Every structure is written in structure tokens, then in C-alpha cells.
Amino acid sequence: MTELLTLADGTIAYDVTGEGPLVVLAPGVGNGRDAYRFVTPHLVAAGYRVATVDLRGSGESSVGWPSYSRTAIAGDLIALIRHLGGPAVLVGHSISGGAATIVAAQAPDLITGIIELAPFTRTQSMRLGDLRHGPYRRGALRLVGTLLGSRSSWQRYLDVAYPGTKPADWAAHLAGIDAMLREPGRMQALQSMLRSAPTDAGTHLADVRCPALIIEGSLDPDWVDPRAEGEAIVAAMPTGLARLEMIDGAGHYPHVQYPAETVALMLTFLRTDAHA
């Protein structure tokens, strides 16, 4: 059942399933909490209390927030974990991966570990030569179209971001995303998140004090070299805290394309690193 957390500037929608140590799952840009529909049942079955959350401006959370930055999203997640009675292991995808970095640095008492899926948590730079990499070029061009307000460009980006394997409910999932983005304020929230640079998250990488797992898809089109991006995130955190795992064949959504592999990595981390 959907619950709402009322904050100063709006409401955050979430739901909680299961019993045990708390794991909070935060999705990426343009997704609702159903992005974790294939992951949540496995975590619950493994003995965890799982909270899935809609980011501000997305899903069933309210629109019209003054900011959609990673710092703002981190504040929402801190408030939710406090409300649910942390500590928690925080899982963040893409923009929420950056937010997870900030949460871990700013509220270490609430976090026993972070898992970042294809995270945008470092300052990004594009070199002209990067555009020679076909998947990166196609993804970037579709994101430009999205920034200009095209919902169809976002759908075409998603096609690139899910190389090869698509989930069985792909058509229904795309239809649901499009329906959400047709609601007043949703597309504007997505655009604001895309414009939000991960600089704020990058400045906190060295301040993380809990174990961290970075999961990258080997075919993620958002980077020319996803492994190098993951290695750079690990290197920017204190020595020995973070490790990188690659999922071969996955794009920007490993938890949707390869949920079994993603869950296996998450459970190993939860039990041996985060001790949850």
C-alpha cells in the first residue's frame, strides 16, 4: 500500500514490504519505484524489510519542488530513513546513486552501507572523441531531445539504455512511463534532474565512511567505458571501503535487465559487507 511522507515542500510516496533489516531502494530519473519490481520480492524473501520510494516529481510523489538536485533527493531519503527507523542500506540507481553518496556522507548514523547502480556520482566531462562510440552517441542525442521536452526521445533513449535483453513487460513498462510523464509537472521534473550536474555528489565521495558496492553494466551507453567510471568512483572513496562489480551485457538498468545477477551481488554485500 502506498504511503506518503509529508516534507516541507511536498510529499514523497513509498511502500514497505517484508520484515528484517531495512533496505531502501531509490530509482533513477524518469522511473517510479516499480523500477525495482523484479528485485524487491527476492530481498523480502531473503529476510529484509524493503522500502521502495518515488523520487520527488516522479511516480506518486508530488511535483513543483524548488530543486531536483542530488542534494535535494538526499534530503528526502534521509527524512524517509529517519521516518522508517533506520539504520538502512541505501540502494540508489543513476541520479539516486549520487544521492546515496551524499546521504552516506551527511548521515552516517543512518547508513550501514550503500549500493550504487550505474551511478552518476562524479563530475562528468565529454570529449569530442567520445561521440565516435556509437551507443554513447545515440544515448546522448536522445537525452538532448529529452531535455528539449520530447517524451519520444526519452523512450528512444531507454531503448538504447537496455541493450539486447528487454524485460518481459517492456511494452507495458514504457506505456506506464509515458503516462506518468504526461501528468502535469512530471516531464519538467525529469528535465530538471537531467540538467542537475553530479558535482555535489562528487565532492562527498571522500567523505563516505560505510561499505559501498558499485554495480555497472558492461554495455551501459552513458559511458564510453563503464568499468573505468566504476573504478574511478571506487578510487575516489576512502581506500578499502568500496568495490566494483560488473554485470556483463547489462546497460544502464542492470536491476531490470539482470535482476537475478543484481540481487546475488546485493545479497552478498548485505550479508558480508553491510552486515545487514
C-alpha atoms as a PDB file:
ATOM      1  CA  MET A   1       0.000   0.000   0.000  1.00  0.00           C
ATOM      2  CA  THR A   2       1.341   3.408  -0.968  1.00  0.00           C
ATOM      3  CA  GLU A   3       2.231   5.690   1.926  1.00  0.00           C
ATOM      4  CA  LEU A   4       3.094   9.382   1.808  1.00  0.00           C
ATOM      5  CA  LEU A   5       5.784  11.202   3.766  1.00  0.00           C
ATOM      6  CA  THR A   6       4.992  14.903   4.066  1.00  0.00           C
ATOM      7  CA  LEU A   7       8.011  17.207   3.884  1.00  0.00           C
ATOM      8  CA  ALA A   8       8.291  20.991   3.813  1.00  0.00           C
ATOM      9  CA  ASP A   9       7.937  21.327   0.028  1.00  0.00           C
ATOM     10  CA  GLY A  10       5.875  18.283  -0.939  1.00  0.00           C
ATOM     11  CA  THR A  11       5.132  14.619  -0.385  1.00  0.00           C
ATOM     12  CA  ILE A  12       7.213  11.538  -1.073  1.00  0.00           C
ATOM     13  CA  ALA A  13       5.458   8.272  -1.970  1.00  0.00           C
ATOM     14  CA  TYR A  14       6.852   4.956  -0.785  1.00  0.00           C
ATOM     15  CA  ASP A  15       5.871   1.467   0.224  1.00  0.00           C
ATOM     16  CA  VAL A  16       7.335  -1.052   2.634  1.00  0.00           C
ATOM     17  CA  THR A  17       7.302  -4.833   2.331  1.00  0.00           C
ATOM     18  CA  GLY A  18       8.767  -7.575   4.480  1.00  0.00           C
ATOM     19  CA  GLU A  19      10.425  -7.848   7.876  1.00  0.00           C
ATOM     20  CA  GLY A  20      14.058  -7.585   8.906  1.00  0.00           C
ATOM     21  CA  PRO A  21      16.931  -5.145   8.389  1.00  0.00           C
ATOM     22  CA  LEU A  22      15.874  -2.099   6.385  1.00  0.00           C
ATOM     23  CA  VAL A  23      16.883  -1.719   2.735  1.00  0.00           C
ATOM     24  CA  VAL A  24      15.750   1.418   0.895  1.00  0.00           C
ATOM     25  CA  LEU A  25      15.585   1.326  -2.924  1.00  0.00           C
ATOM     26  CA  ALA A  26      15.633   4.640  -4.812  1.00  0.00           C
ATOM     27  CA  PRO A  27      15.165   4.683  -8.615  1.00  0.00           C
ATOM     28  CA  GLY A  28      16.733   6.816 -11.312  1.00  0.00           C
ATOM     29  CA  VAL A  29      15.478   9.669 -13.449  1.00  0.00           C
ATOM     30  CA  GLY A  30      12.119   9.143 -15.125  1.00  0.00           C
ATOM     31  CA  ASN A  31      11.266   5.998 -13.172  1.00  0.00           C
ATOM     32  CA  GLY A  32       8.888   5.241 -10.355  1.00  0.00           C
ATOM     33  CA  ARG A  33       9.577   2.807  -7.562  1.00  0.00           C
ATOM     34  CA  ASP A  34       8.317  -0.039  -9.777  1.00  0.00           C
ATOM     35  CA  ALA A  35      11.793   0.010 -11.326  1.00  0.00           C
ATOM     36  CA  TYR A  36      12.622  -2.445  -8.522  1.00  0.00           C
ATOM     37  CA  ARG A  37       9.683  -4.745  -9.240  1.00  0.00           C
ATOM     38  CA  PHE A  38      11.971  -7.684 -10.036  1.00  0.00           C
ATOM     39  CA  VAL A  39      14.363  -7.060  -7.120  1.00  0.00           C
ATOM     40  CA  THR A  40      12.060  -6.395  -4.168  1.00  0.00           C
ATOM     41  CA  PRO A  41      10.465  -9.887  -3.918  1.00  0.00           C
ATOM     42  CA  HIS A  42      13.888 -11.534  -3.716  1.00  0.00           C
ATOM     43  CA  LEU A  43      15.117  -9.193  -0.975  1.00  0.00           C
ATOM     44  CA  VAL A  44      11.918  -9.703   1.008  1.00  0.00           C
ATOM     45  CA  ALA A  45      12.247 -13.479   0.639  1.00  0.00           C
ATOM     46  CA  ALA A  46      15.837 -13.209   1.900  1.00  0.00           C
ATOM     47  CA  GLY A  47      14.624 -11.606   5.135  1.00  0.00           C
ATOM     48  CA  TYR A  48      14.748  -7.860   4.553  1.00  0.00           C
ATOM     49  CA  ARG A  49      12.306  -5.032   5.159  1.00  0.00           C
ATOM     50  CA  VAL A  50      12.301  -3.281   1.810  1.00  0.00           C
ATOM     51  CA  ALA A  51      11.156   0.290   1.194  1.00  0.00           C
ATOM     52  CA  THR A  52      10.818   1.455  -2.402  1.00  0.00           C
ATOM     53  CA  VAL A  53      10.467   5.186  -2.934  1.00  0.00           C
ATOM     54  CA  ASP A  54       9.384   7.545  -5.706  1.00  0.00           C
ATOM     55  CA  LEU A  55      11.762  10.451  -6.199  1.00  0.00           C
ATOM     56  CA  ARG A  56      10.380  13.957  -5.850  1.00  0.00           C
ATOM     57  CA  GLY A  57       8.486  14.803  -9.034  1.00  0.00           C
ATOM     58  CA  SER A  58       8.199  11.153 -10.102  1.00  0.00           C
ATOM     59  CA  GLY A  59       5.746   8.299  -9.661  1.00  0.00           C
ATOM     60  CA  GLU A  60       3.222   9.221  -6.992  1.00  0.00           C
ATOM     61  CA  SER A  61       5.387  11.813  -5.252  1.00  0.00           C
ATOM     62  CA  SER A  62       4.323  15.409  -5.664  1.00  0.00           C
ATOM     63  CA  VAL A  63       5.651  17.874  -8.246  1.00  0.00           C
ATOM     64  CA  GLY A  64       6.651  21.530  -8.009  1.00  0.00           C
ATOM     65  CA  TRP A  65       9.725  21.114  -5.791  1.00  0.00           C
ATOM     66  CA  PRO A  66      12.189  24.036  -5.692  1.00  0.00           C
ATOM     67  CA  SER A  67      15.127  21.767  -6.563  1.00  0.00           C
ATOM     68  CA  TYR A  68      15.700  18.359  -8.137  1.00  0.00           C
ATOM     69  CA  SER A  69      19.414  18.077  -7.361  1.00  0.00           C
ATOM     70  CA  ARG A  70      21.108  15.066  -5.823  1.00  0.00           C
ATOM     71  CA  THR A  71      21.471  17.038  -2.594  1.00  0.00           C
ATOM     72  CA  ALA A  72      17.716  17.666  -2.533  1.00  0.00           C
ATOM     73  CA  ILE A  73      16.970  13.983  -3.238  1.00  0.00           C
ATOM     74  CA  ALA A  74      19.429  13.004  -0.489  1.00  0.00           C
ATOM     75  CA  GLY A  75      17.477  15.147   1.973  1.00  0.00           C
ATOM     76  CA  ASP A  76      14.290  13.280   1.078  1.00  0.00           C
ATOM     77  CA  LEU A  77      15.993   9.917   1.564  1.00  0.00           C
ATOM     78  CA  ILE A  78      17.441  10.939   4.925  1.00  0.00           C
ATOM     79  CA  ALA A  79      13.974  12.025   6.062  1.00  0.00           C
ATOM     80  CA  LEU A  80      12.443   8.741   4.891  1.00  0.00           C
ATOM     81  CA  ILE A  81      15.046   6.563   6.604  1.00  0.00           C
ATOM     82  CA  ARG A  82      14.576   8.503   9.838  1.00  0.00           C
ATOM     83  CA  HIS A  83      10.814   8.122   9.486  1.00  0.00           C
ATOM     84  CA  LEU A  84      11.136   4.365   8.982  1.00  0.00           C
ATOM     85  CA  GLY A  85      13.512   3.956  11.894  1.00  0.00           C
ATOM     86  CA  GLY A  86      16.919   3.319  10.344  1.00  0.00           C
ATOM     87  CA  PRO A  87      19.677   2.471  10.021  1.00  0.00           C
ATOM     88  CA  ALA A  88      19.377   1.204   6.468  1.00  0.00           C
ATOM     89  CA  VAL A  89      21.316   0.020   3.499  1.00  0.00           C
ATOM     90  CA  LEU A  90      20.547   2.531   0.765  1.00  0.00           C
ATOM     91  CA  VAL A  91      20.389   1.436  -2.866  1.00  0.00           C
ATOM     92  CA  GLY A  92      20.398   4.179  -5.490  1.00  0.00           C
ATOM     93  CA  HIS A  93      20.254   3.968  -9.261  1.00  0.00           C
ATOM     94  CA  SER A  94      21.755   6.615 -11.569  1.00  0.00           C
ATOM     95  CA  ILE A  95      20.930  10.042 -10.049  1.00  0.00           C
ATOM     96  CA  SER A  96      19.984   8.295  -6.801  1.00  0.00           C
ATOM     97  CA  GLY A  97      23.410   6.699  -6.745  1.00  0.00           C
ATOM     98  CA  GLY A  98      24.797  10.204  -6.431  1.00  0.00           C
ATOM     99  CA  ALA A  99      22.213  10.987  -3.762  1.00  0.00           C
ATOM    100  CA  ALA A 100      23.252   7.838  -1.859  1.00  0.00           C
ATOM    101  CA  THR A 101      26.830   9.128  -1.755  1.00  0.00           C
ATOM    102  CA  ILE A 102      25.595  12.356  -0.167  1.00  0.00           C
ATOM    103  CA  VAL A 103      23.357  10.535   2.331  1.00  0.00           C
ATOM    104  CA  ALA A 104      26.242   8.307   3.433  1.00  0.00           C
ATOM    105  CA  ALA A 105      28.470  11.347   3.980  1.00  0.00           C
ATOM    106  CA  GLN A 106      25.885  13.545   5.681  1.00  0.00           C
ATOM    107  CA  ALA A 107      24.032  10.991   7.833  1.00  0.00           C
ATOM    108  CA  PRO A 108      26.489   8.197   8.677  1.00  0.00           C
ATOM    109  CA  ASP A 109      24.419   7.211  11.722  1.00  0.00           C
ATOM    110  CA  LEU A 110      21.553   6.217   9.404  1.00  0.00           C
ATOM    111  CA  ILE A 111      23.515   4.195   6.847  1.00  0.00           C
ATOM    112  CA  THR A 112      25.243   0.827   7.234  1.00  0.00           C
ATOM    113  CA  GLY A 113      26.088   0.529   3.538  1.00  0.00           C
ATOM    114  CA  ILE A 114      25.309   1.903   0.104  1.00  0.00           C
ATOM    115  CA  ILE A 115      24.799   0.156  -3.214  1.00  0.00           C
ATOM    116  CA  GLU A 116      25.046   2.342  -6.300  1.00  0.00           C
ATOM    117  CA  LEU A 117      23.673   1.003  -9.582  1.00  0.00           C
ATOM    118  CA  ALA A 118      25.124   2.715 -12.674  1.00  0.00           C
ATOM    119  CA  PRO A 119      25.576   5.848 -10.560  1.00  0.00           C
ATOM    120  CA  PHE A 120      26.065   9.399 -11.723  1.00  0.00           C
ATOM    121  CA  THR A 121      28.088  10.455  -8.698  1.00  0.00           C
ATOM    122  CA  ARG A 122      31.130  12.121 -10.278  1.00  0.00           C
ATOM    123  CA  THR A 123      31.569  15.267 -12.330  1.00  0.00           C
ATOM    124  CA  GLN A 124      31.160  14.278 -15.975  1.00  0.00           C
ATOM    125  CA  SER A 125      33.055  15.552 -18.985  1.00  0.00           C
ATOM    126  CA  MET A 126      32.629  14.674 -22.646  1.00  0.00           C
ATOM    127  CA  ARG A 127      35.466  14.579 -25.138  1.00  0.00           C
ATOM    128  CA  LEU A 128      34.826  15.002 -28.832  1.00  0.00           C
ATOM    129  CA  GLY A 129      36.205  11.547 -29.477  1.00  0.00           C
ATOM    130  CA  ASP A 130      33.557  10.018 -27.217  1.00  0.00           C
ATOM    131  CA  LEU A 131      30.956  10.643 -29.906  1.00  0.00           C
ATOM    132  CA  ARG A 132      32.694   8.066 -32.110  1.00  0.00           C
ATOM    133  CA  HIS A 133      31.380   5.440 -29.682  1.00  0.00           C
ATOM    134  CA  GLY A 134      28.028   4.508 -31.239  1.00  0.00           C
ATOM    135  CA  PRO A 135      25.943   3.621 -28.145  1.00  0.00           C
ATOM    136  CA  TYR A 136      27.218   6.655 -26.248  1.00  0.00           C
ATOM    137  CA  ARG A 137      26.437   8.950 -29.195  1.00  0.00           C
ATOM    138  CA  ARG A 138      22.942   7.530 -29.664  1.00  0.00           C
ATOM    139  CA  GLY A 139      22.143   7.784 -25.980  1.00  0.00           C
ATOM    140  CA  ALA A 140      23.484  11.334 -25.704  1.00  0.00           C
ATOM    141  CA  LEU A 141      21.487  12.551 -28.711  1.00  0.00           C
ATOM    142  CA  ARG A 142      18.286  11.107 -27.297  1.00  0.00           C
ATOM    143  CA  LEU A 143      18.955  12.749 -23.949  1.00  0.00           C
ATOM    144  CA  VAL A 144      19.355  16.072 -25.741  1.00  0.00           C
ATOM    145  CA  GLY A 145      15.938  15.526 -27.287  1.00  0.00           C
ATOM    146  CA  THR A 146      14.533  14.757 -23.852  1.00  0.00           C
ATOM    147  CA  LEU A 147      15.989  17.976 -22.475  1.00  0.00           C
ATOM    148  CA  LEU A 148      14.108  19.770 -25.246  1.00  0.00           C
ATOM    149  CA  GLY A 149      10.860  18.262 -23.970  1.00  0.00           C
ATOM    150  CA  SER A 150      10.389  15.204 -26.189  1.00  0.00           C
ATOM    151  CA  ARG A 151       8.832  12.219 -24.436  1.00  0.00           C
ATOM    152  CA  SER A 152       9.501  10.072 -27.503  1.00  0.00           C
ATOM    153  CA  SER A 153      13.217  10.915 -27.218  1.00  0.00           C
ATOM    154  CA  TRP A 154      13.167   9.556 -23.681  1.00  0.00           C
ATOM    155  CA  GLN A 155      11.580   6.333 -24.902  1.00  0.00           C
ATOM    156  CA  ARG A 156      14.232   6.055 -27.621  1.00  0.00           C
ATOM    157  CA  TYR A 157      16.921   6.660 -25.004  1.00  0.00           C
ATOM    158  CA  LEU A 158      15.515   3.806 -22.929  1.00  0.00           C
ATOM    159  CA  ASP A 159      15.746   1.515 -25.949  1.00  0.00           C
ATOM    160  CA  VAL A 160      19.486   2.280 -26.103  1.00  0.00           C
ATOM    161  CA  ALA A 161      19.879   2.044 -22.319  1.00  0.00           C
ATOM    162  CA  TYR A 162      18.504  -1.520 -22.388  1.00  0.00           C
ATOM    163  CA  PRO A 163      20.822  -3.111 -24.988  1.00  0.00           C
ATOM    164  CA  GLY A 164      19.810  -6.590 -26.042  1.00  0.00           C
ATOM    165  CA  THR A 165      17.698  -8.105 -23.282  1.00  0.00           C
ATOM    166  CA  LYS A 166      14.423  -6.322 -22.518  1.00  0.00           C
ATOM    167  CA  PRO A 167      12.164  -7.259 -19.586  1.00  0.00           C
ATOM    168  CA  ALA A 168       9.099  -9.340 -20.372  1.00  0.00           C
ATOM    169  CA  ASP A 169       6.804  -6.424 -19.515  1.00  0.00           C
ATOM    170  CA  TRP A 170       8.742  -3.952 -21.669  1.00  0.00           C
ATOM    171  CA  ALA A 171       5.793  -2.568 -23.657  1.00  0.00           C
ATOM    172  CA  ALA A 172       3.633  -2.114 -20.558  1.00  0.00           C
ATOM    173  CA  HIS A 173       6.537  -0.550 -18.674  1.00  0.00           C
ATOM    174  CA  LEU A 174       7.172   2.001 -21.428  1.00  0.00           C
ATOM    175  CA  ALA A 175       3.476   2.817 -21.559  1.00  0.00           C
ATOM    176  CA  GLY A 176       3.474   3.403 -17.812  1.00  0.00           C
ATOM    177  CA  ILE A 177       6.463   5.734 -18.009  1.00  0.00           C
ATOM    178  CA  ASP A 178       4.870   7.690 -20.851  1.00  0.00           C
ATOM    179  CA  ALA A 179       1.613   8.004 -18.915  1.00  0.00           C
ATOM    180  CA  MET A 180       3.498   9.307 -15.891  1.00  0.00           C
ATOM    181  CA  LEU A 181       5.365  11.890 -17.966  1.00  0.00           C
ATOM    182  CA  ARG A 182       2.086  13.167 -19.403  1.00  0.00           C
ATOM    183  CA  GLU A 183       0.989  14.203 -15.906  1.00  0.00           C
ATOM    184  CA  PRO A 184       1.489  17.916 -15.153  1.00  0.00           C
ATOM    185  CA  GLY A 185       4.970  18.697 -13.888  1.00  0.00           C
ATOM    186  CA  ARG A 186       6.457  15.230 -14.393  1.00  0.00           C
ATOM    187  CA  MET A 187       8.354  15.951 -17.605  1.00  0.00           C
ATOM    188  CA  GLN A 188       9.684  19.177 -16.129  1.00  0.00           C
ATOM    189  CA  ALA A 189      10.962  17.248 -13.103  1.00  0.00           C
ATOM    190  CA  LEU A 190      12.731  14.761 -15.371  1.00  0.00           C
ATOM    191  CA  GLN A 191      14.333  17.595 -17.345  1.00  0.00           C
ATOM    192  CA  SER A 192      15.465  19.311 -14.147  1.00  0.00           C
ATOM    193  CA  MET A 193      17.111  16.110 -12.937  1.00  0.00           C
ATOM    194  CA  LEU A 194      18.884  15.631 -16.252  1.00  0.00           C
ATOM    195  CA  ARG A 195      20.214  19.187 -16.022  1.00  0.00           C
ATOM    196  CA  SER A 196      21.430  18.639 -12.476  1.00  0.00           C
ATOM    197  CA  ALA A 197      25.198  18.073 -12.500  1.00  0.00           C
ATOM    198  CA  PRO A 198      26.625  15.450 -10.113  1.00  0.00           C
ATOM    199  CA  THR A 199      29.197  17.902  -8.773  1.00  0.00           C
ATOM    200  CA  ASP A 200      27.563  17.928  -5.344  1.00  0.00           C
ATOM    201  CA  ALA A 201      27.796  14.155  -5.072  1.00  0.00           C
ATOM    202  CA  GLY A 202      31.374  14.067  -6.297  1.00  0.00           C
ATOM    203  CA  THR A 203      32.535  16.381  -3.535  1.00  0.00           C
ATOM    204  CA  HIS A 204      31.260  13.874  -0.956  1.00  0.00           C
ATOM    205  CA  LEU A 205      32.890  10.706  -2.306  1.00  0.00           C
ATOM    206  CA  ALA A 206      35.889  11.074   0.001  1.00  0.00           C
ATOM    207  CA  ASP A 207      33.556  11.573   2.978  1.00  0.00           C
ATOM    208  CA  VAL A 208      31.813   8.193   2.719  1.00  0.00           C
ATOM    209  CA  ARG A 209      32.523   6.073   5.801  1.00  0.00           C
ATOM    210  CA  CYS A 210      30.407   2.970   5.203  1.00  0.00           C
ATOM    211  CA  PRO A 211      30.944  -0.004   2.863  1.00  0.00           C
ATOM    212  CA  ALA A 212      29.925   0.675  -0.729  1.00  0.00           C
ATOM    213  CA  LEU A 213      29.149  -1.554  -3.689  1.00  0.00           C
ATOM    214  CA  ILE A 214      29.219  -0.072  -7.185  1.00  0.00           C
ATOM    215  CA  ILE A 215      27.465  -2.104  -9.891  1.00  0.00           C
ATOM    216  CA  GLU A 216      27.948  -1.207 -13.537  1.00  0.00           C
ATOM    217  CA  GLY A 217      26.589  -2.774 -16.706  1.00  0.00           C
ATOM    218  CA  SER A 218      29.299  -3.595 -19.231  1.00  0.00           C
ATOM    219  CA  LEU A 219      27.199  -2.120 -22.057  1.00  0.00           C
ATOM    220  CA  ASP A 220      25.911   0.994 -20.290  1.00  0.00           C
ATOM    221  CA  PRO A 221      25.724   3.612 -23.076  1.00  0.00           C
ATOM    222  CA  ASP A 222      26.004   6.521 -20.651  1.00  0.00           C
ATOM    223  CA  TRP A 223      29.751   5.959 -20.552  1.00  0.00           C
ATOM    224  CA  VAL A 224      32.228   5.033 -23.242  1.00  0.00           C
ATOM    225  CA  ASP A 225      33.938   2.829 -20.641  1.00  0.00           C
ATOM    226  CA  PRO A 226      31.575   1.842 -17.786  1.00  0.00           C
ATOM    227  CA  ARG A 227      34.265  -0.128 -15.982  1.00  0.00           C
ATOM    228  CA  ALA A 228      36.571   2.882 -15.911  1.00  0.00           C
ATOM    229  CA  GLU A 229      33.740   5.002 -14.492  1.00  0.00           C
ATOM    230  CA  GLY A 230      33.099   2.474 -11.741  1.00  0.00           C
ATOM    231  CA  GLU A 231      36.799   2.187 -10.944  1.00  0.00           C
ATOM    232  CA  ALA A 232      37.060   5.971 -10.686  1.00  0.00           C
ATOM    233  CA  ILE A 233      34.193   6.067  -8.173  1.00  0.00           C
ATOM    234  CA  VAL A 234      35.848   3.360  -6.068  1.00  0.00           C
ATOM    235  CA  ALA A 235      39.178   5.206  -6.192  1.00  0.00           C
ATOM    236  CA  ALA A 236      37.563   8.462  -5.054  1.00  0.00           C
ATOM    237  CA  MET A 237      36.180   6.843  -1.893  1.00  0.00           C
ATOM    238  CA  PRO A 238      38.395   6.061   1.115  1.00  0.00           C
ATOM    239  CA  THR A 239      40.677   3.110   0.472  1.00  0.00           C
ATOM    240  CA  GLY A 240      39.142  -0.274   1.126  1.00  0.00           C
ATOM    241  CA  LEU A 241      35.527   0.869   1.548  1.00  0.00           C
ATOM    242  CA  ALA A 242      34.177   0.368  -1.957  1.00  0.00           C
ATOM    243  CA  ARG A 243      34.316  -2.334  -4.582  1.00  0.00           C
ATOM    244  CA  LEU A 244      33.120  -2.598  -8.159  1.00  0.00           C
ATOM    245  CA  GLU A 245      31.127  -5.401  -9.752  1.00  0.00           C
ATOM    246  CA  MET A 246      30.333  -5.599 -13.463  1.00  0.00           C
ATOM    247  CA  ILE A 247      27.298  -7.306 -14.982  1.00  0.00           C
ATOM    248  CA  ASP A 248      28.177  -8.470 -18.452  1.00  0.00           C
ATOM    249  CA  GLY A 249      25.685  -7.476 -21.138  1.00  0.00           C
ATOM    250  CA  ALA A 250      23.734  -5.061 -18.940  1.00  0.00           C
ATOM    251  CA  GLY A 251      23.077  -1.462 -19.880  1.00  0.00           C
ATOM    252  CA  HIS A 252      22.062   1.397 -17.603  1.00  0.00           C
ATOM    253  CA  TYR A 253      19.383  -0.666 -15.819  1.00  0.00           C
ATOM    254  CA  PRO A 254      21.109  -3.837 -14.557  1.00  0.00           C
ATOM    255  CA  HIS A 255      18.476  -4.366 -11.856  1.00  0.00           C
ATOM    256  CA  VAL A 256      15.757  -4.610 -14.521  1.00  0.00           C
ATOM    257  CA  GLN A 257      17.661  -6.430 -17.256  1.00  0.00           C
ATOM    258  CA  TYR A 258      19.507  -8.864 -14.998  1.00  0.00           C
ATOM    259  CA  PRO A 259      17.682  -8.927 -11.663  1.00  0.00           C
ATOM    260  CA  ALA A 260      18.981 -12.336 -10.574  1.00  0.00           C
ATOM    261  CA  GLU A 261      22.603 -11.292 -11.048  1.00  0.00           C
ATOM    262  CA  THR A 262      21.964  -7.933  -9.406  1.00  0.00           C
ATOM    263  CA  VAL A 263      20.218  -9.479  -6.402  1.00  0.00           C
ATOM    264  CA  ALA A 264      23.019 -12.019  -5.943  1.00  0.00           C
ATOM    265  CA  LEU A 265      25.566  -9.200  -5.736  1.00  0.00           C
ATOM    266  CA  MET A 266      23.334  -7.200  -3.413  1.00  0.00           C
ATOM    267  CA  LEU A 267      22.761 -10.105  -1.021  1.00  0.00           C
ATOM    268  CA  THR A 268      26.465 -10.885  -0.799  1.00  0.00           C
ATOM    269  CA  PHE A 269      27.137  -7.255   0.048  1.00  0.00           C
ATOM    270  CA  LEU A 270      24.283  -7.074   2.566  1.00  0.00           C
ATOM    271  CA  ARG A 271      25.486 -10.152   4.425  1.00  0.00           C
ATOM    272  CA  THR A 272      29.247  -9.740   4.294  1.00  0.00           C
ATOM    273  CA  ASP A 273      29.960  -6.019   3.922  1.00  0.00           C
ATOM    274  CA  ALA A 274      26.998  -4.152   5.393  1.00  0.00           C
ATOM    275  CA  HIS A 275      26.243  -6.952   7.915  1.00  0.00           C
ATOM    276  CA  ALA A 276      22.534  -6.377   7.400  1.00  0.00           C
END
